[in-house]
C-alpha atoms as a PDB file:
ATOM      1  CA  MET A   1     107.118  89.303 114.278  1.00  0.00           C
ATOM      2  CA  THR A   2     106.564  91.717 117.157  1.00  0.00           C
ATOM      3  CA  ALA A   3     108.759  91.473 120.248  1.00  0.00           C
ATOM      4  CA  TRP A   4     109.090  93.331 123.535  1.00  0.00           C
ATOM      5  CA  LYS A   5     112.265  93.731 125.584  1.00  0.00           C
ATOM      6  CA  THR A   6     112.355  93.811 129.341  1.00  0.00           C
ATOM      7  CA  ALA A   7     114.951  94.778 131.924  1.00  0.00           C
ATOM      8  CA  GLY A   8     117.100  91.856 133.001  1.00  0.00           C
ATOM      9  CA  GLU A   9     118.465  88.834 131.272  1.00  0.00           C
ATOM     10  CA  ILE A  10     115.521  87.694 129.127  1.00  0.00           C
ATOM     11  CA  GLU A  11     115.288  89.811 125.999  1.00  0.00           C
ATOM     12  CA  PRO A  12     112.792  89.684 124.501  1.00  0.00           C
ATOM     13  CA  ALA A  13     110.607  88.238 127.242  1.00  0.00           C
ATOM     14  CA  PHE A  14     108.014  87.178 124.669  1.00  0.00           C
ATOM     15  CA  ASP A  15     107.132  87.631 121.047  1.00  0.00           C
ATOM     16  CA  ILE A  16     104.198  87.387 118.676  1.00  0.00           C
ATOM     17  CA  LEU A  17     104.257  85.458 115.422  1.00  0.00           C
ATOM     18  CA  GLU A  18     101.922  87.456 113.206  1.00  0.00           C
ATOM     19  CA  PRO A  19     100.071  86.192 110.131  1.00  0.00           C
ATOM     20  CA  SER A  20     100.554  87.982 106.830  1.00  0.00           C
ATOM     21  CA  GLU A  21      96.787  88.560 106.814  1.00  0.00           C
ATOM     22  CA  ARG A  22      94.602  88.789 109.915  1.00  0.00           C
ATOM     23  CA  ALA A  23      91.999  86.452 108.536  1.00  0.00           C
ATOM     24  CA  SER A  24      91.091  84.601 111.727  1.00  0.00           C
ATOM     25  CA  PRO A  25      89.244  85.605 114.917  1.00  0.00           C
ATOM     26  CA  VAL A  26      91.418  83.113 116.809  1.00  0.00           C
ATOM     27  CA  VAL A  27      94.459  84.034 118.937  1.00  0.00           C
ATOM     28  CA  PHE A  28      96.849  81.310 120.091  1.00  0.00           C
ATOM     29  CA  ASN A  29      98.874  81.790 123.261  1.00  0.00           C
ATOM     30  CA  SER A  30     101.684  79.673 124.745  1.00  0.00           C
ATOM     31  CA  PRO A  31     102.474  81.201 128.157  1.00  0.00           C
ATOM     32  CA  HIS A  32     104.439  78.329 129.732  1.00  0.00           C
ATOM     33  CA  SER A  33     106.790  77.129 126.966  1.00  0.00           C
ATOM     34  CA  GLY A  34     109.597  79.600 127.723  1.00  0.00           C
ATOM     35  CA  ALA A  35     113.021  78.060 128.294  1.00  0.00           C
ATOM     36  CA  ARG A  36     115.385  80.999 128.795  1.00  0.00           C
ATOM     37  CA  TYR A  37     116.580  80.721 132.382  1.00  0.00           C
ATOM     38  CA  PRO A  38     118.385  83.829 133.675  1.00  0.00           C
ATOM     39  CA  ALA A  39     121.760  83.090 135.248  1.00  0.00           C
ATOM     40  CA  SER A  40     120.796  85.113 138.329  1.00  0.00           C
ATOM     41  CA  PHE A  41     117.626  83.026 138.726  1.00  0.00           C
ATOM     42  CA  LEU A  42     119.563  79.764 138.463  1.00  0.00           C
ATOM     43  CA  ALA A  43     122.059  81.084 141.006  1.00  0.00           C
ATOM     44  CA  SER A  44     119.279  81.889 143.469  1.00  0.00           C
ATOM     45  CA  SER A  45     117.655  78.461 143.101  1.00  0.00           C
ATOM     46  CA  ARG A  46     118.494  75.404 145.125  1.00  0.00           C
ATOM     47  CA  LEU A  47     117.509  73.277 142.103  1.00  0.00           C
ATOM     48  CA  ASP A  48     119.350  72.644 138.881  1.00  0.00           C
ATOM     49  CA  ALA A  49     117.980  73.580 135.480  1.00  0.00           C
ATOM     50  CA  ARG A  50     116.744  70.067 134.795  1.00  0.00           C
ATOM     51  CA  ALA A  51     114.576  70.057 137.913  1.00  0.00           C
ATOM     52  CA  LEU A  52     113.256  73.545 137.175  1.00  0.00           C
ATOM     53  CA  ARG A  53     112.196  72.484 133.692  1.00  0.00           C
ATOM     54  CA  ARG A  54     109.612  70.108 135.137  1.00  0.00           C
ATOM     55  CA  SER A  55     107.147  72.988 135.259  1.00  0.00           C
ATOM     56  CA  GLU A  56     107.800  73.937 131.637  1.00  0.00           C
ATOM     57  CA  ASP A  57     105.313  73.268 128.826  1.00  0.00           C
ATOM     58  CA  ALA A  58     108.215  72.183 126.675  1.00  0.00           C
ATOM     59  CA  PHE A  59     107.871  72.497 122.879  1.00  0.00           C
ATOM     60  CA  VAL A  60     104.195  73.518 123.024  1.00  0.00           C
ATOM     61  CA  ASP A  61     104.932  76.700 121.088  1.00  0.00           C
ATOM     62  CA  GLU A  62     106.396  74.527 118.329  1.00  0.00           C
ATOM     63  CA  LEU A  63     103.270  72.364 118.195  1.00  0.00           C
ATOM     64  CA  PHE A  64     101.172  75.459 117.485  1.00  0.00           C
ATOM     65  CA  ALA A  65     103.751  77.443 115.485  1.00  0.00           C
ATOM     66  CA  CYS A  66     101.789  76.899 112.279  1.00  0.00           C
ATOM     67  CA  ALA A  67      98.945  79.188 113.440  1.00  0.00           C
ATOM     68  CA  PRO A  68     100.109  82.274 111.458  1.00  0.00           C
ATOM     69  CA  GLN A  69      99.889  80.246 108.234  1.00  0.00           C
ATOM     70  CA  PHE A  70      96.139  80.156 108.810  1.00  0.00           C
ATOM     71  CA  GLY A  71      95.609  83.826 109.673  1.00  0.00           C
ATOM     72  CA  ALA A  72      95.951  83.582 113.459  1.00  0.00           C
ATOM     73  CA  PRO A  73      98.712  85.080 115.634  1.00  0.00           C
ATOM     74  CA  LEU A  74     100.695  83.009 118.117  1.00  0.00           C
ATOM     75  CA  MET A  75     101.996  84.692 121.250  1.00  0.00           C
ATOM     76  CA  ARG A  76     104.734  82.829 123.100  1.00  0.00           C
ATOM     77  CA  ALA A  77     106.687  83.381 126.298  1.00  0.00           C
ATOM     78  CA  HIS A  78     110.463  83.056 126.434  1.00  0.00           C
ATOM     79  CA  PHE A  79     110.715  83.335 130.232  1.00  0.00           C
ATOM     80  CA  PRO A  80     110.130  80.096 132.141  1.00  0.00           C
ATOM     81  CA  ARG A  81     107.067  79.441 134.244  1.00  0.00           C
ATOM     82  CA  ALA A  82     109.265  78.732 137.276  1.00  0.00           C
ATOM     83  CA  PHE A  83     110.493  82.342 137.009  1.00  0.00           C
ATOM     84  CA  LEU A  84     107.103  84.011 136.474  1.00  0.00           C
ATOM     85  CA  ASP A  85     103.629  82.619 135.813  1.00  0.00           C
ATOM     86  CA  VAL A  86     101.369  84.845 133.707  1.00  0.00           C
ATOM     87  CA  ASN A  87      98.520  82.341 134.140  1.00  0.00           C
ATOM     88  CA  ARG A  88      97.950  83.768 137.606  1.00  0.00           C
ATOM     89  CA  GLU A  89      96.591  87.037 138.938  1.00  0.00           C
ATOM     90  CA  PRO A  90      99.289  89.708 138.798  1.00  0.00           C
ATOM     91  CA  TYR A  91      99.893  89.678 142.551  1.00  0.00           C
ATOM     92  CA  GLU A  92      99.199  86.140 143.779  1.00  0.00           C
ATOM     93  CA  LEU A  93     102.185  86.120 146.113  1.00  0.00           C
ATOM     94  CA  ASP A  94     103.225  84.104 149.162  1.00  0.00           C
ATOM     95  CA  PRO A  95     104.527  86.478 151.875  1.00  0.00           C
ATOM     96  CA  ARG A  96     106.672  83.674 153.314  1.00  0.00           C
ATOM     97  CA  MET A  97     108.832  83.799 150.178  1.00  0.00           C
ATOM     98  CA  PHE A  98     109.892  87.420 150.451  1.00  0.00           C
ATOM     99  CA  ASP A  99     111.866  89.822 152.565  1.00  0.00           C
ATOM    100  CA  GLY A 100     109.857  93.016 152.890  1.00  0.00           C
ATOM    101  CA  ARG A 101     106.191  93.910 152.866  1.00  0.00           C
ATOM    102  CA  LEU A 102     104.022  92.989 149.900  1.00  0.00           C
ATOM    103  CA  PRO A 103     101.567  95.556 148.502  1.00  0.00           C
ATOM    104  CA  PRO A 104      98.305  95.598 150.474  1.00  0.00           C
ATOM    105  CA  PHE A 105      96.363  94.535 147.380  1.00  0.00           C
ATOM    106  CA  ALA A 106      98.380  91.325 146.903  1.00  0.00           C
ATOM    107  CA  ASN A 107      96.325  88.133 146.994  1.00  0.00           C
ATOM    108  CA  THR A 108      98.186  86.100 149.590  1.00  0.00           C
ATOM    109  CA  ARG A 109      95.407  83.636 150.419  1.00  0.00           C
ATOM    110  CA  SER A 110      94.481  81.996 147.140  1.00  0.00           C
ATOM    111  CA  LEU A 111      94.541  78.217 146.798  1.00  0.00           C
ATOM    112  CA  ARG A 112      97.278  78.564 144.213  1.00  0.00           C
ATOM    113  CA  VAL A 113      99.464  80.524 146.626  1.00  0.00           C
ATOM    114  CA  ALA A 114      98.789  77.936 149.332  1.00  0.00           C
ATOM    115  CA  GLY A 115      99.908  75.233 146.921  1.00  0.00           C
ATOM    116  CA  GLY A 116     103.150  77.036 146.160  1.00  0.00           C
ATOM    117  CA  LEU A 117     102.104  77.998 142.643  1.00  0.00           C
ATOM    118  CA  GLY A 118     101.489  81.719 142.737  1.00  0.00           C
ATOM    119  CA  THR A 119     102.640  84.383 140.292  1.00  0.00           C
ATOM    120  CA  ILE A 120     106.154  83.740 141.593  1.00  0.00           C
ATOM    121  CA  ALA A 121     106.173  79.989 142.198  1.00  0.00           C
ATOM    122  CA  ARG A 122     107.614  78.539 145.377  1.00  0.00           C
ATOM    123  CA  ILE A 123     107.806  74.940 144.127  1.00  0.00           C
ATOM    124  CA  VAL A 124     108.112  72.840 140.998  1.00  0.00           C
ATOM    125  CA  GLY A 125     107.373  69.182 140.378  1.00  0.00           C
ATOM    126  CA  GLU A 126     106.582  67.137 143.457  1.00  0.00           C
ATOM    127  CA  ALA A 127     106.766  70.041 145.908  1.00  0.00           C
ATOM    128  CA  GLN A 128     110.448  70.768 145.309  1.00  0.00           C
ATOM    129  CA  GLU A 129     111.319  74.159 146.804  1.00  0.00           C
ATOM    130  CA  ILE A 130     112.843  76.475 144.188  1.00  0.00           C
ATOM    131  CA  TYR A 131     114.678  79.003 146.349  1.00  0.00           C
ATOM    132  CA  GLY A 132     117.298  78.545 149.023  1.00  0.00           C
ATOM    133  CA  ALA A 133     116.521  81.879 150.669  1.00  0.00           C
ATOM    134  CA  ARG A 134     113.851  84.565 150.690  1.00  0.00           C
ATOM    135  CA  LEU A 135     113.658  86.936 147.735  1.00  0.00           C
ATOM    136  CA  PRO A 136     113.495  90.718 148.052  1.00  0.00           C
ATOM    137  CA  VAL A 137     109.969  91.981 147.450  1.00  0.00           C
ATOM    138  CA  SER A 138     111.478  94.321 144.876  1.00  0.00           C
ATOM    139  CA  GLU A 139     112.506  91.281 142.803  1.00  0.00           C
ATOM    140  CA  ALA A 140     108.922  90.026 142.617  1.00  0.00           C
ATOM    141  CA  LEU A 141     107.562  93.463 141.749  1.00  0.00           C
ATOM    142  CA  GLU A 142     110.186  93.936 139.027  1.00  0.00           C
ATOM    143  CA  ARG A 143     109.188  90.676 137.335  1.00  0.00           C
ATOM    144  CA  ILE A 144     105.547  91.718 137.452  1.00  0.00           C
ATOM    145  CA  GLU A 145     106.130  95.254 136.165  1.00  0.00           C
ATOM    146  CA  THR A 146     108.631  94.425 133.416  1.00  0.00           C
ATOM    147  CA  ILE A 147     107.277  91.095 132.134  1.00  0.00           C
ATOM    148  CA  TYR A 148     103.833  90.168 133.489  1.00  0.00           C
ATOM    149  CA  LYS A 149     102.078  93.446 132.787  1.00  0.00           C
ATOM    150  CA  PRO A 150     103.545  93.982 129.285  1.00  0.00           C
ATOM    151  CA  TYR A 151     102.642  90.376 128.450  1.00  0.00           C
ATOM    152  CA  HIS A 152      99.001  90.842 129.349  1.00  0.00           C
ATOM    153  CA  ARG A 153      98.788  94.239 127.678  1.00  0.00           C
ATOM    154  CA  ALA A 154      99.975  92.641 124.450  1.00  0.00           C
ATOM    155  CA  LEU A 155      97.615  89.685 124.796  1.00  0.00           C
ATOM    156  CA  LYS A 156      94.667  91.978 125.444  1.00  0.00           C
ATOM    157  CA  ARG A 157      95.523  93.945 122.311  1.00  0.00           C
ATOM    158  CA  LEU A 158      95.560  90.773 120.223  1.00  0.00           C
ATOM    159  CA  VAL A 159      92.168  89.663 121.523  1.00  0.00           C
ATOM    160  CA  ALA A 160      90.689  93.154 121.127  1.00  0.00           C
ATOM    161  CA  ARG A 161      91.986  93.361 117.562  1.00  0.00           C
ATOM    162  CA  ALA A 162      90.471  90.002 116.663  1.00  0.00           C
ATOM    163  CA  TYR A 163      87.140  91.107 118.110  1.00  0.00           C
ATOM    164  CA  ARG A 164      87.277  94.452 116.306  1.00  0.00           C
ATOM    165  CA  LEU A 165      87.979  92.814 112.944  1.00  0.00           C
ATOM    166  CA  HIS A 166      85.620  89.848 113.223  1.00  0.00           C
ATOM    167  CA  GLY A 167      82.971  90.678 115.829  1.00  0.00           C
ATOM    168  CA  VAL A 168      84.016  87.598 117.818  1.00  0.00           C
ATOM    169  CA  ALA A 169      87.293  86.441 119.338  1.00  0.00           C
ATOM    170  CA  LEU A 170      88.535  83.055 120.507  1.00  0.00           C
ATOM    171  CA  LEU A 171      91.657  82.792 122.652  1.00  0.00           C
ATOM    172  CA  ILE A 172      93.252  79.331 122.602  1.00  0.00           C
ATOM    173  CA  ASP A 173      95.567  78.983 125.606  1.00  0.00           C
ATOM    174  CA  CYS A 174      98.080  76.240 124.797  1.00  0.00           C
ATOM    175  CA  HIS A 175      99.600  74.057 127.514  1.00  0.00           C
ATOM    176  CA  SER A 176     100.963  70.595 128.226  1.00  0.00           C
ATOM    177  CA  MET A 177     100.484  68.297 131.203  1.00  0.00           C
ATOM    178  CA  PRO A 178     102.458  65.477 132.816  1.00  0.00           C
ATOM    179  CA  SER A 179     101.225  62.083 131.715  1.00  0.00           C
ATOM    180  CA  VAL A 180     100.811  60.959 135.325  1.00  0.00           C
ATOM    181  CA  GLY A 181      99.168  62.934 138.117  1.00  0.00           C
ATOM    182  CA  LEU A 182     100.342  63.153 141.719  1.00  0.00           C
ATOM    183  CA  ALA A 183      97.079  61.830 143.170  1.00  0.00           C
ATOM    184  CA  ARG A 184      97.133  58.062 143.610  1.00  0.00           C
ATOM    185  CA  ASP A 185      93.489  57.663 142.693  1.00  0.00           C
ATOM    186  CA  GLU A 186      93.731  59.693 139.461  1.00  0.00           C
ATOM    187  CA  ARG A 187      93.088  57.593 136.390  1.00  0.00           C
ATOM    188  CA  ALA A 188      95.344  57.641 133.360  1.00  0.00           C
ATOM    189  CA  ARG A 189      95.198  61.033 131.697  1.00  0.00           C
ATOM    190  CA  ALA A 190      93.686  61.616 128.283  1.00  0.00           C
ATOM    191  CA  ASP A 191      95.753  62.764 125.303  1.00  0.00           C
ATOM    192  CA  VAL A 192      94.045  66.165 125.352  1.00  0.00           C
ATOM    193  CA  VAL A 193      92.122  68.018 128.065  1.00  0.00           C
ATOM    194  CA  LEU A 194      89.980  71.005 127.086  1.00  0.00           C
ATOM    195  CA  GLY A 195      89.323  73.545 129.829  1.00  0.00           C
ATOM    196  CA  ASP A 196      86.424  75.983 129.580  1.00  0.00           C
ATOM    197  CA  ARG A 197      85.943  76.689 133.296  1.00  0.00           C
ATOM    198  CA  TYR A 198      82.999  74.274 133.235  1.00  0.00           C
ATOM    199  CA  GLY A 199      81.227  76.239 130.526  1.00  0.00           C
ATOM    200  CA  ALA A 200      81.951  79.721 131.884  1.00  0.00           C
ATOM    201  CA  SER A 201      84.708  80.836 129.483  1.00  0.00           C
ATOM    202  CA  CYS A 202      83.710  79.477 126.086  1.00  0.00           C
ATOM    203  CA  SER A 203      80.646  78.659 124.020  1.00  0.00           C
ATOM    204  CA  PRO A 204      79.712  74.957 124.210  1.00  0.00           C
ATOM    205  CA  ALA A 205      79.463  74.910 120.418  1.00  0.00           C
ATOM    206  CA  ILE A 206      83.098  75.966 120.092  1.00  0.00           C
ATOM    207  CA  VAL A 207      84.254  73.414 122.658  1.00  0.00           C
ATOM    208  CA  ASP A 208      82.272  70.705 120.839  1.00  0.00           C
ATOM    209  CA  PHE A 209      83.887  71.727 117.566  1.00  0.00           C
ATOM    210  CA  VAL A 210      87.454  71.691 118.937  1.00  0.00           C
ATOM    211  CA  GLU A 211      86.859  68.411 120.753  1.00  0.00           C
ATOM    212  CA  GLN A 212      85.603  66.794 117.549  1.00  0.00           C
ATOM    213  CA  GLU A 213      88.718  67.956 115.696  1.00  0.00           C
ATOM    214  CA  PHE A 214      91.084  66.363 118.223  1.00  0.00           C
ATOM    215  CA  ARG A 215      89.064  63.169 118.307  1.00  0.00           C
ATOM    216  CA  SER A 216      89.219  62.971 114.521  1.00  0.00           C
ATOM    217  CA  LEU A 217      92.979  62.393 114.975  1.00  0.00           C
ATOM    218  CA  GLY A 218      92.282  59.463 117.282  1.00  0.00           C
ATOM    219  CA  LEU A 219      93.281  61.454 120.375  1.00  0.00           C
ATOM    220  CA  GLU A 220      91.367  60.742 123.564  1.00  0.00           C
ATOM    221  CA  THR A 221      89.900  64.080 124.602  1.00  0.00           C
ATOM    222  CA  THR A 222      88.166  65.056 127.837  1.00  0.00           C
ATOM    223  CA  ARG A 223      87.012  68.287 129.478  1.00  0.00           C
ATOM    224  CA  ASN A 224      87.965  70.214 132.599  1.00  0.00           C
ATOM    225  CA  ARG A 225      89.522  67.380 134.583  1.00  0.00           C
ATOM    226  CA  PRO A 226      92.117  67.664 135.893  1.00  0.00           C
ATOM    227  CA  TYR A 227      92.525  71.125 134.306  1.00  0.00           C
ATOM    228  CA  ALA A 228      89.579  73.478 133.838  1.00  0.00           C
ATOM    229  CA  GLY A 229      91.623  76.541 132.911  1.00  0.00           C
ATOM    230  CA  GLY A 230      93.593  79.094 134.881  1.00  0.00           C
ATOM    231  CA  TYR A 231      93.612  82.855 135.191  1.00  0.00           C
ATOM    232  CA  ILE A 232      93.947  83.481 131.453  1.00  0.00           C
ATOM    233  CA  THR A 233      90.934  81.366 130.545  1.00  0.00           C
ATOM    234  CA  GLU A 234      88.878  82.856 133.359  1.00  0.00           C
ATOM    235  CA  HIS A 235      89.969  86.446 132.746  1.00  0.00           C
ATOM    236  CA  TYR A 236      89.638  86.570 128.955  1.00  0.00           C
ATOM    237  CA  GLY A 237      86.539  84.435 128.470  1.00  0.00           C
ATOM    238  CA  ALA A 238      83.183  86.222 128.339  1.00  0.00           C
ATOM    239  CA  PRO A 239      80.996  84.158 125.976  1.00  0.00           C
ATOM    240  CA  ALA A 240      77.940  86.401 126.299  1.00  0.00           C
ATOM    241  CA  SER A 241      80.088  89.213 124.843  1.00  0.00           C
ATOM    242  CA  ASP A 242      81.453  87.018 122.025  1.00  0.00           C
ATOM    243  CA  LEU A 243      84.826  86.711 123.766  1.00  0.00           C
ATOM    244  CA  HIS A 244      85.719  83.051 124.164  1.00  0.00           C
ATOM    245  CA  ALA A 245      88.723  81.452 125.887  1.00  0.00           C
ATOM    246  CA  LEU A 246      89.597  77.754 125.785  1.00  0.00           C
ATOM    247  CA  GLN A 247      92.560  76.041 127.422  1.00  0.00           C
ATOM    248  CA  ILE A 248      94.168  73.081 125.653  1.00  0.00           C
ATOM    249  CA  GLU A 249      96.380  70.668 127.606  1.00  0.00           C
ATOM    250  CA  ILE A 250      98.416  68.189 125.550  1.00  0.00           C
ATOM    251  CA  ASN A 251      99.649  65.043 127.302  1.00  0.00           C
ATOM    252  CA  ARG A 252     103.454  65.258 127.221  1.00  0.00           C
ATOM    253  CA  ALA A 253     103.838  61.525 126.747  1.00  0.00           C
ATOM    254  CA  ILE A 254     102.450  61.719 123.211  1.00  0.00           C
ATOM    255  CA  TYR A 255     105.141  64.094 121.970  1.00  0.00           C
ATOM    256  CA  MET A 256     108.186  64.007 124.295  1.00  0.00           C
ATOM    257  CA  ASP A 257     110.310  61.908 126.614  1.00  0.00           C
ATOM    258  CA  GLU A 258     109.351  63.401 129.975  1.00  0.00           C
ATOM    259  CA  GLN A 259     112.410  62.131 131.815  1.00  0.00           C
ATOM    260  CA  ARG A 260     115.039  63.193 129.285  1.00  0.00           C
ATOM    261  CA  HIS A 261     113.135  66.327 128.265  1.00  0.00           C
ATOM    262  CA  VAL A 262     113.560  65.712 124.544  1.00  0.00           C
ATOM    263  CA  LYS A 263     111.128  65.327 121.660  1.00  0.00           C
ATOM    264  CA  ARG A 264     109.924  61.907 120.635  1.00  0.00           C
ATOM    265  CA  PRO A 265     111.107  60.694 117.220  1.00  0.00           C
ATOM    266  CA  ASP A 266     107.562  61.139 115.881  1.00  0.00           C
ATOM    267  CA  PHE A 267     107.255  64.732 117.144  1.00  0.00           C
ATOM    268  CA  GLU A 268     107.150  66.219 113.643  1.00  0.00           C
ATOM    269  CA  ASP A 269     104.467  63.758 112.588  1.00  0.00           C
ATOM    270  CA  LEU A 270     102.257  64.762 115.521  1.00  0.00           C
ATOM    271  CA  ALA A 271     102.917  68.445 114.834  1.00  0.00           C
ATOM    272  CA  ALA A 272     101.810  67.942 111.216  1.00  0.00           C
ATOM    273  CA  ARG A 273      98.623  66.212 112.358  1.00  0.00           C
ATOM    274  CA  LEU A 274      97.905  68.950 114.884  1.00  0.00           C
ATOM    275  CA  ALA A 275      98.400  71.527 112.141  1.00  0.00           C
ATOM    276  CA  GLY A 276      95.203  70.199 110.587  1.00  0.00           C
ATOM    277  CA  VAL A 277      93.348  70.921 113.824  1.00  0.00           C
ATOM    278  CA  VAL A 278      94.885  74.391 114.054  1.00  0.00           C
ATOM    279  CA  GLU A 279      93.889  75.133 110.464  1.00  0.00           C
ATOM    280  CA  ARG A 280      90.293  74.024 110.891  1.00  0.00           C
ATOM    281  CA  VAL A 281      89.878  75.931 114.161  1.00  0.00           C
ATOM    282  CA  ALA A 282      91.562  79.081 112.831  1.00  0.00           C
ATOM    283  CA  THR A 283      89.460  79.097 109.666  1.00  0.00           C
ATOM    284  CA  ALA A 284      86.123  78.037 111.159  1.00  0.00           C
ATOM    285  CA  PRO A 285      83.354  80.596 110.565  1.00  0.00           C
ATOM    286  CA  PHE A 286      82.507  81.423 114.158  1.00  0.00           C
ATOM    287  CA  GLY A 287      79.364  83.458 114.564  1.00  0.00           C
ATOM    288  CA  SER A 288      77.635  85.375 117.322  1.00  0.00           C
ATOM    289  CA  LEU A 289      77.596  83.700 120.747  1.00  0.00           C
ATOM    290  CA  GLY A 290      80.085  81.120 119.536  1.00  0.00           C
ATOM    291  CA  ARG A 291      77.930  79.461 116.919  1.00  0.00           C
ATOM    292  CA  VAL A 292      80.083  77.447 114.533  1.00  0.00           C
ATOM    293  CA  ARG A 293      78.295  77.648 111.217  1.00  0.00           C
ATOM    294  CA  ALA A 294      80.496  75.005 109.620  1.00  0.00           C
ATOM    295  CA  ALA A 295      79.499  72.489 112.279  1.00  0.00           C
ATOM    296  CA  ALA A 296      75.807  73.194 111.791  1.00  0.00           C
ATOM    297  CA  GLU A 297      75.780  72.809 108.021  1.00  0.00           C
END
């Protein structure tokens, strides 16, 4: 296990569960499952911990914790998404949230910032405001310098190592989603949503392969709607260069009680079933341009 420490109250901010042998070109990443809430953050929030946890991909790191058994590392955040979101650009910041001037290169006009979900989120859940007062700009920059940037440096190293050893790399970005969307006209969500940025971040053959594996468990699986992938999928996926990134969203209703924020009684059974998917994906013989030789034979 490799871990990094950061200034502040979350130490380590993230860690990496390493396999005994680096036999797989696949890297698993769980950037939103962190549940260590700094006391100073809770004190600055107008919401209680239960409300803040609505943005958390609870227990997702546990669902994919078996990855190292099959030769693939798992990177997991310990800081909560409501505190810092590494699935955003490094400086997607809302100037209305801060006292002081943001750096001139900050992206203050993205759709995610407008929606309150920038690198430092303004809201959780159904547009619940997190903070009771403006934050110092220095607070935002400290979170980015001491957690965000080290996180991405470590993730880049994992992907680069996989590519160096295997000539191809596949980043699986692991998330969960609420079972019900906010839009009234949205239909019931599938059990699993695969996001490949509409074909831009991952080879279609790989997406087909992963989709087939989930469907073999009887899980309804769709693509890109309502989640096509965020910054990580977009930033790390370059299929023409044999660098593939695929986002996986697991419907929370199939493994947890969303209101009480606890695991369902059959959580371990689902985790065992998903381990079969993780094993087959981690051990699949991916070839150049994302060809999956096992699927073609």
